Amino acid sequence: MNSFTGRLTALALSSALVSWPVLAASGELPAPQSYGAVTVVNGGTDLDEAELFKKAAPQYPLRVVFSVRGGDYAVADQFKILQNGTVIAEVPSAGPWLLVNLPPGRYMLQASFDGRMSERAFTVNRSGTGSTVHWVAPSSVG
């Protein structure tokens, strides 16, 4: 290999190595799913995607993180959002992260893990702010 070809090869390789972290860090959240006035972003199954969810979380009035005792992430078989007893969103294989845009109001959240259902009440206040729900799956899950 002559010196010119060697320099071109080295330049190409160094350019690829320099741009690789930028490509790796440019991930995006999964596409949101719409259920009427409710929008849900579901995912976070690997550490890179979980970091994206953490960064985007403040933009959403409801953030749900499913885990098992000990802190490992979990995925719910089914997740439902109810308002006045009516299901307004239903997400299969939910989590471990959910980012949800909801209008102000009171809601009931339901999650099923290995057929065991649990519920939580949740409110989005008039200013549109809510909070993060850290949902620990029943101890038999995992």
Foldseek 3Di string as FASTA:
>chain_A
DDPVVVVVVVVVVVVCVVCVVVVVLPDDFPDWDDQPQKIKGFDDPDPSNVVNCVVCQVVAQEKEAEEAPVGHGDWFQKKFKDDPRHTRDIDGRGDNIMGMHDAFDKIKMWTHAPRDIDIDIFGQHNVRHGDYHYHHDPNVHD
